[in-house]
Every structure is written in structure tokens, then in C-alpha cells.
């Protein structure tokens, strides 16, 4: 899946399946997807520790 297809895709399952988790190439998109899901519920996170964990995940996913 190209970046344009990724950005235009509305099906969560297609996004998740686009990169196999077992490959080095596939791990990064899965981590970023998980972080993006957390960002969508940012306002529901209970405290700064939880928000810091999400920010740490984002930095780790980006290398």
C-alpha cells in the first residue's frame, strides 16, 4: 500500500493488514497506528503518565 492509499483508506482492517507485523518494515506502521489510536482518545487518558506513554511510543516508533 502506498502512502497515498494509506492516507485515503477508510478501512481500519485494510490499514492493519497492509504491513505484516513479523517484518521489520511492518512493525513501524503497526506502532504508529497504535499511537494514532491512542491520540484519538487522548482526552480520555486518565493522567499525564498515560499521555507520556503515548508520546514515548510515538518517538520509539519513529526511531
PDB file of N, CA and C in Angstrom:
ATOM      1  N   UNK A   1       0.854  -1.174   0.000  1.00  0.00           N
ATOM      2  CA  UNK A   1       0.000   0.000   0.000  1.00  0.00           C
ATOM      3  C   UNK A   1       0.900   1.236   0.000  1.00  0.00           C
ATOM      4  N   UNK A   2       0.607   2.157  -0.890  1.00  0.00           N
ATOM      5  CA  UNK A   2       1.375   3.399  -0.952  1.00  0.00           C
ATOM      6  C   UNK A   2       0.915   4.343   0.154  1.00  0.00           C
ATOM      7  N   UNK A   3       1.695   5.400   0.381  1.00  0.00           N
ATOM      8  CA  UNK A   3       1.307   6.380   1.398  1.00  0.00           C
ATOM      9  C   UNK A   3      -0.025   7.036   1.030  1.00  0.00           C
ATOM     10  N   UNK A   4      -0.224   7.334  -0.246  1.00  0.00           N
ATOM     11  CA  UNK A   4      -1.479   7.951  -0.686  1.00  0.00           C
ATOM     12  C   UNK A   4      -2.662   7.024  -0.421  1.00  0.00           C
ATOM     13  N   UNK A   5      -2.473   5.729  -0.687  1.00  0.00           N
ATOM     14  CA  UNK A   5      -3.541   4.761  -0.406  1.00  0.00           C
ATOM     15  C   UNK A   5      -3.799   4.670   1.097  1.00  0.00           C
ATOM     16  N   UNK A   6      -2.719   4.680   1.884  1.00  0.00           N
ATOM     17  CA  UNK A   6      -2.837   4.618   3.345  1.00  0.00           C
ATOM     18  C   UNK A   6      -3.649   5.810   3.853  1.00  0.00           C
ATOM     19  N   UNK A   7      -3.292   7.001   3.390  1.00  0.00           N
ATOM     20  CA  UNK A   7      -3.961   8.214   3.857  1.00  0.00           C
ATOM     21  C   UNK A   7      -5.410   8.283   3.404  1.00  0.00           C
ATOM     22  N   UNK A   8      -5.716   7.682   2.263  1.00  0.00           N
ATOM     23  CA  UNK A   8      -7.076   7.720   1.745  1.00  0.00           C
ATOM     24  C   UNK A   8      -7.948   6.555   2.174  1.00  0.00           C
ATOM     25  N   UNK A   9      -7.368   5.602   2.862  1.00  0.00           N
ATOM     26  CA  UNK A   9      -8.097   4.386   3.235  1.00  0.00           C
ATOM     27  C   UNK A   9      -8.993   4.634   4.447  1.00  0.00           C
ATOM     28  N   UNK A  10     -10.222   4.155   4.371  1.00  0.00           N
ATOM     29  CA  UNK A  10     -11.172   4.314   5.475  1.00  0.00           C
ATOM     30  C   UNK A  10     -11.395   3.006   6.236  1.00  0.00           C
ATOM     31  N   UNK A  11     -10.787   1.933   5.774  1.00  0.00           N
ATOM     32  CA  UNK A  11     -10.993   0.626   6.402  1.00  0.00           C
ATOM     33  C   UNK A  11      -9.819   0.291   7.320  1.00  0.00           C
ATOM     34  N   UNK A  12     -10.078   0.287   8.612  1.00  0.00           N
ATOM     35  CA  UNK A  12      -9.042   0.030   9.608  1.00  0.00           C
ATOM     36  C   UNK A  12      -8.365  -1.318   9.372  1.00  0.00           C
ATOM     37  N   UNK A  13      -9.127  -2.313   9.003  1.00  0.00           N
ATOM     38  CA  UNK A  13      -8.563  -3.645   8.809  1.00  0.00           C
ATOM     39  C   UNK A  13      -7.622  -3.688   7.609  1.00  0.00           C
ATOM     40  N   UNK A  14      -7.932  -2.949   6.562  1.00  0.00           N
ATOM     41  CA  UNK A  14      -7.026  -2.866   5.415  1.00  0.00           C
ATOM     42  C   UNK A  14      -5.710  -2.203   5.817  1.00  0.00           C
ATOM     43  N   UNK A  15      -5.809  -1.160   6.633  1.00  0.00           N
ATOM     44  CA  UNK A  15      -4.600  -0.484   7.100  1.00  0.00           C
ATOM     45  C   UNK A  15      -3.742  -1.432   7.924  1.00  0.00           C
ATOM     46  N   UNK A  16      -4.368  -2.127   8.847  1.00  0.00           N
ATOM     47  CA  UNK A  16      -3.636  -3.036   9.734  1.00  0.00           C
ATOM     48  C   UNK A  16      -2.980  -4.163   8.930  1.00  0.00           C
ATOM     49  N   UNK A  17      -3.708  -4.691   7.957  1.00  0.00           N
ATOM     50  CA  UNK A  17      -3.205  -5.822   7.178  1.00  0.00           C
ATOM     51  C   UNK A  17      -2.189  -5.426   6.113  1.00  0.00           C
ATOM     52  N   UNK A  18      -2.034  -4.143   5.863  1.00  0.00           N
ATOM     53  CA  UNK A  18      -1.162  -3.711   4.772  1.00  0.00           C
ATOM     54  C   UNK A  18       0.317  -3.969   5.054  1.00  0.00           C
ATOM     55  N   UNK A  19       0.686  -4.113   6.307  1.00  0.00           N
ATOM     56  CA  UNK A  19       2.087  -4.380   6.649  1.00  0.00           C
ATOM     57  C   UNK A  19       2.149  -5.543   7.626  1.00  0.00           C
ATOM     58  N   UNK A  20       2.768  -6.641   7.228  1.00  0.00           N
ATOM     59  CA  UNK A  20       2.837  -7.799   8.127  1.00  0.00           C
ATOM     60  C   UNK A  20       3.646  -7.486   9.379  1.00  0.00           C
ATOM     61  N   UNK A  21       3.109  -7.809  10.534  1.00  0.00           N
ATOM     62  CA  UNK A  21       3.734  -7.475  11.814  1.00  0.00           C
ATOM     63  C   UNK A  21       5.071  -8.168  12.016  1.00  0.00           C
ATOM     64  N   UNK A  22       5.277  -9.300  11.397  1.00  0.00           N
ATOM     65  CA  UNK A  22       6.503 -10.049  11.607  1.00  0.00           C
ATOM     66  C   UNK A  22       7.728  -9.476  10.915  1.00  0.00           C
ATOM     67  N   UNK A  23       7.534  -8.531  10.021  1.00  0.00           N
ATOM     68  CA  UNK A  23       8.675  -7.976   9.296  1.00  0.00           C
ATOM     69  C   UNK A  23       9.136  -6.677   9.940  1.00  0.00           C
ATOM     70  N   UNK A  24      10.394  -6.338   9.727  1.00  0.00           N
ATOM     71  CA  UNK A  24      10.915  -5.075  10.251  1.00  0.00           C
ATOM     72  C   UNK A  24      10.166  -3.905   9.630  1.00  0.00           C
ATOM     73  N   UNK A  25       9.829  -4.041   8.352  1.00  0.00           N
ATOM     74  CA  UNK A  25       9.084  -2.984   7.660  1.00  0.00           C
ATOM     75  C   UNK A  25       7.673  -2.847   8.230  1.00  0.00           C
ATOM     76  N   UNK A  26       7.086  -3.955   8.670  1.00  0.00           N
ATOM     77  CA  UNK A  26       5.712  -3.935   9.154  1.00  0.00           C
ATOM     78  C   UNK A  26       5.557  -3.470  10.579  1.00  0.00           C
ATOM     79  N   UNK A  27       6.610  -3.553  11.380  1.00  0.00           N
ATOM     80  CA  UNK A  27       6.493  -3.190  12.792  1.00  0.00           C
ATOM     81  C   UNK A  27       6.226  -1.693  12.973  1.00  0.00           C
ATOM     82  N   UNK A  28       6.911  -0.853  12.234  1.00  0.00           N
ATOM     83  CA  UNK A  28       6.759   0.597  12.395  1.00  0.00           C
ATOM     84  C   UNK A  28       5.331   1.068  12.121  1.00  0.00           C
ATOM     85  N   UNK A  29       4.715   0.688  10.998  1.00  0.00           N
ATOM     86  CA  UNK A  29       3.336   1.131  10.776  1.00  0.00           C
ATOM     87  C   UNK A  29       2.371   0.665  11.866  1.00  0.00           C
ATOM     88  N   UNK A  30       2.584  -0.541  12.384  1.00  0.00           N
ATOM     89  CA  UNK A  30       1.702  -1.019  13.451  1.00  0.00           C
ATOM     90  C   UNK A  30       1.880  -0.192  14.716  1.00  0.00           C
ATOM     91  N   UNK A  31       3.107   0.162  15.036  1.00  0.00           N
ATOM     92  CA  UNK A  31       3.352   1.005  16.217  1.00  0.00           C
ATOM     93  C   UNK A  31       2.736   2.388  16.031  1.00  0.00           C
ATOM     94  N   UNK A  32       2.928   2.963  14.847  1.00  0.00           N
ATOM     95  CA  UNK A  32       2.359   4.288  14.589  1.00  0.00           C
ATOM     96  C   UNK A  32       0.837   4.249  14.584  1.00  0.00           C
ATOM     97  N   UNK A  33       0.275   3.171  14.068  1.00  0.00           N
ATOM     98  CA  UNK A  33      -1.177   3.025  14.074  1.00  0.00           C
ATOM     99  C   UNK A  33      -1.694   2.947  15.508  1.00  0.00           C
ATOM    100  N   UNK A  34      -1.006   2.186  16.351  1.00  0.00           N
ATOM    101  CA  UNK A  34      -1.401   2.082  17.758  1.00  0.00           C
ATOM    102  C   UNK A  34      -1.326   3.447  18.436  1.00  0.00           C
ATOM    103  N   UNK A  35      -0.273   4.195  18.152  1.00  0.00           N
ATOM    104  CA  UNK A  35      -0.138   5.531  18.730  1.00  0.00           C
ATOM    105  C   UNK A  35      -1.241   6.460  18.229  1.00  0.00           C
ATOM    106  N   UNK A  36      -1.580   6.362  16.953  1.00  0.00           N
ATOM    107  CA  UNK A  36      -2.654   7.197  16.399  1.00  0.00           C
ATOM    108  C   UNK A  36      -3.992   6.874  17.050  1.00  0.00           C
ATOM    109  N   UNK A  37      -4.227   5.601  17.326  1.00  0.00           N
ATOM    110  CA  UNK A  37      -5.465   5.220  18.022  1.00  0.00           C
ATOM    111  C   UNK A  37      -5.506   5.853  19.409  1.00  0.00           C
ATOM    112  N   UNK A  38      -4.369   5.850  20.091  1.00  0.00           N
ATOM    113  CA  UNK A  38      -4.304   6.473  21.418  1.00  0.00           C
ATOM    114  C   UNK A  38      -4.536   7.976  21.328  1.00  0.00           C
ATOM    115  N   UNK A  39      -4.010   8.595  20.286  1.00  0.00           N
ATOM    116  CA  UNK A  39      -4.218  10.041  20.108  1.00  0.00           C
ATOM    117  C   UNK A  39      -5.699  10.374  19.897  1.00  0.00           C
ATOM    118  N   UNK A  40      -6.419   9.462  19.269  1.00  0.00           N
ATOM    119  CA  UNK A  40      -7.856   9.693  19.040  1.00  0.00           C
ATOM    120  C   UNK A  40      -8.633   9.738  20.350  1.00  0.00           C
ATOM    121  N   UNK A  41      -8.120   9.057  21.373  1.00  0.00           N
ATOM    122  CA  UNK A  41      -8.807   9.050  22.675  1.00  0.00           C
ATOM    123  C   UNK A  41      -7.996   9.809  23.726  1.00  0.00           C
ATOM    124  N   UNK A  42      -7.137  10.695  23.269  1.00  0.00           N
ATOM    125  CA  UNK A  42      -6.245  11.463  24.142  1.00  0.00           C
ATOM    126  C   UNK A  42      -7.009  12.083  25.309  1.00  0.00           C
ATOM    127  N   UNK A  43      -8.158  12.655  25.011  1.00  0.00           N
ATOM    128  CA  UNK A  43      -8.951  13.332  26.045  1.00  0.00           C
ATOM    129  C   UNK A  43      -9.488  12.364  27.102  1.00  0.00           C
ATOM    130  N   UNK A  44      -9.479  11.079  26.816  1.00  0.00           N
ATOM    131  CA  UNK A  44      -9.957  10.080  27.770  1.00  0.00           C
ATOM    132  C   UNK A  44      -8.837   9.490  28.623  1.00  0.00           C
ATOM    133  N   UNK A  45      -7.597   9.777  28.267  1.00  0.00           N
ATOM    134  CA  UNK A  45      -6.479   9.238  29.043  1.00  0.00           C
ATOM    135  C   UNK A  45      -6.498   9.859  30.438  1.00  0.00           C
ATOM    136  N   UNK A  46      -6.299   9.043  31.466  1.00  0.00           N
ATOM    137  CA  UNK A  46      -6.559   9.493  32.833  1.00  0.00           C
ATOM    138  C   UNK A  46      -5.559  10.485  33.412  1.00  0.00           C
ATOM    139  N   UNK A  47      -4.323  10.482  32.926  1.00  0.00           N
ATOM    140  CA  UNK A  47      -3.335  11.358  33.558  1.00  0.00           C
ATOM    141  C   UNK A  47      -2.140  11.586  32.636  1.00  0.00           C
ATOM    142  N   UNK A  48      -1.211  12.397  33.128  1.00  0.00           N
ATOM    143  CA  UNK A  48      -0.028  12.724  32.331  1.00  0.00           C
ATOM    144  C   UNK A  48       0.872  11.516  32.095  1.00  0.00           C
ATOM    145  N   UNK A  49       0.861  10.550  33.007  1.00  0.00           N
ATOM    146  CA  UNK A  49       1.668   9.338  32.799  1.00  0.00           C
ATOM    147  C   UNK A  49       1.213   8.595  31.552  1.00  0.00           C
ATOM    148  N   UNK A  50      -0.093   8.480  31.377  1.00  0.00           N
ATOM    149  CA  UNK A  50      -0.635   7.792  30.200  1.00  0.00           C
ATOM    150  C   UNK A  50      -0.291   8.562  28.931  1.00  0.00           C
ATOM    151  N   UNK A  51      -0.402   9.883  28.978  1.00  0.00           N
ATOM    152  CA  UNK A  51      -0.072  10.699  27.809  1.00  0.00           C
ATOM    153  C   UNK A  51       1.420  10.611  27.480  1.00  0.00           C
ATOM    154  N   UNK A  52       2.229  10.583  28.517  1.00  0.00           N
ATOM    155  CA  UNK A  52       3.673  10.443  28.322  1.00  0.00           C
ATOM    156  C   UNK A  52       3.993   9.092  27.674  1.00  0.00           C
ATOM    157  N   UNK A  53       3.284   8.053  28.067  1.00  0.00           N
ATOM    158  CA  UNK A  53       3.496   6.727  27.476  1.00  0.00           C
ATOM    159  C   UNK A  53       3.187   6.742  25.980  1.00  0.00           C
ATOM    160  N   UNK A  54       2.127   7.438  25.590  1.00  0.00           N
ATOM    161  CA  UNK A  54       1.774   7.536  24.169  1.00  0.00           C
ATOM    162  C   UNK A  54       2.858   8.314  23.416  1.00  0.00           C
ATOM    163  N   UNK A  55       3.304   9.415  23.996  1.00  0.00           N
ATOM    164  CA  UNK A  55       4.358  10.208  23.360  1.00  0.00           C
ATOM    165  C   UNK A  55       5.644   9.391  23.219  1.00  0.00           C
ATOM    166  N   UNK A  56       5.951   8.590  24.221  1.00  0.00           N
ATOM    167  CA  UNK A  56       7.128   7.725  24.164  1.00  0.00           C
ATOM    168  C   UNK A  56       6.980   6.685  23.061  1.00  0.00           C
ATOM    169  N   UNK A  57       5.798   6.104  22.942  1.00  0.00           N
ATOM    170  CA  UNK A  57       5.528   5.142  21.871  1.00  0.00           C
ATOM    171  C   UNK A  57       5.754   5.785  20.506  1.00  0.00           C
ATOM    172  N   UNK A  58       5.280   7.011  20.333  1.00  0.00           N
ATOM    173  CA  UNK A  58       5.453   7.702  19.051  1.00  0.00           C
ATOM    174  C   UNK A  58       6.933   7.911  18.728  1.00  0.00           C
ATOM    175  N   UNK A  59       7.695   8.358  19.716  1.00  0.00           N
ATOM    176  CA  UNK A  59       9.130   8.575  19.490  1.00  0.00           C
ATOM    177  C   UNK A  59       9.842   7.260  19.183  1.00  0.00           C
ATOM    178  N   UNK A  60       9.478   6.206  19.915  1.00  0.00           N
ATOM    179  CA  UNK A  60      10.088   4.893  19.708  1.00  0.00           C
ATOM    180  C   UNK A  60       9.751   4.358  18.314  1.00  0.00           C
ATOM    181  N   UNK A  61       8.517   4.545  17.893  1.00  0.00           N
ATOM    182  CA  UNK A  61       8.088   4.056  16.577  1.00  0.00           C
ATOM    183  C   UNK A  61       8.834   4.769  15.455  1.00  0.00           C
ATOM    184  N   UNK A  62       9.129   6.040  15.666  1.00  0.00           N
ATOM    185  CA  UNK A  62       9.841   6.810  14.642  1.00  0.00           C
ATOM    186  C   UNK A  62      11.342   6.551  14.639  1.00  0.00           C
ATOM    187  N   UNK A  63      11.827   5.870  15.661  1.00  0.00           N
ATOM    188  CA  UNK A  63      13.256   5.515  15.717  1.00  0.00           C
ATOM    189  C   UNK A  63      14.005   6.532  16.443  1.00  0.00           C
TER     190      UNK A  63
END
